[in-house]
């Protein structure tokens, strides 16, 4: 009888350790993504005063885009995409609500609304994402007007 109690208690401790490890991984991933986004956004917004997003959005010819604007817009979209990708997987695991997921998705899609963002920047950004998420967003982009 004592042996069964010890085995049951060890199984319980093992489950608690596994859940704690998973929670720590989620927290560490969120912190890492946040720090990465902050760094990218700081790099993307320094050295060049004009907002890249509006310049890329208003451009009608990819050849007319300044390389620094494309780099800045790519960095901003990578950060937004990584954040949305994190939300995507958390939503699949039922860790965030449908409303939070929709807000994250719509924010990213708004950033990809301009044809230049989709044609020039998105091909660079999607290579930084998981294939499953990149395919999902590519399908969502096709539905944009």
Foldseek 3Di string as FASTA:
>chain_A
DVVVVVVVVVVVVVVVVVVVVVVVVLVVVVVVLVVLLVVLQVVLCPPDPDALLVVLQPDDDPVPDDPSSLSSLLSNLLSLLVVLLSVVVCVVVVNDDPVVNVVSLVVSLVSCQGPSCVPPRLVVNLVVDDPVSSVVNVVVNVPHD
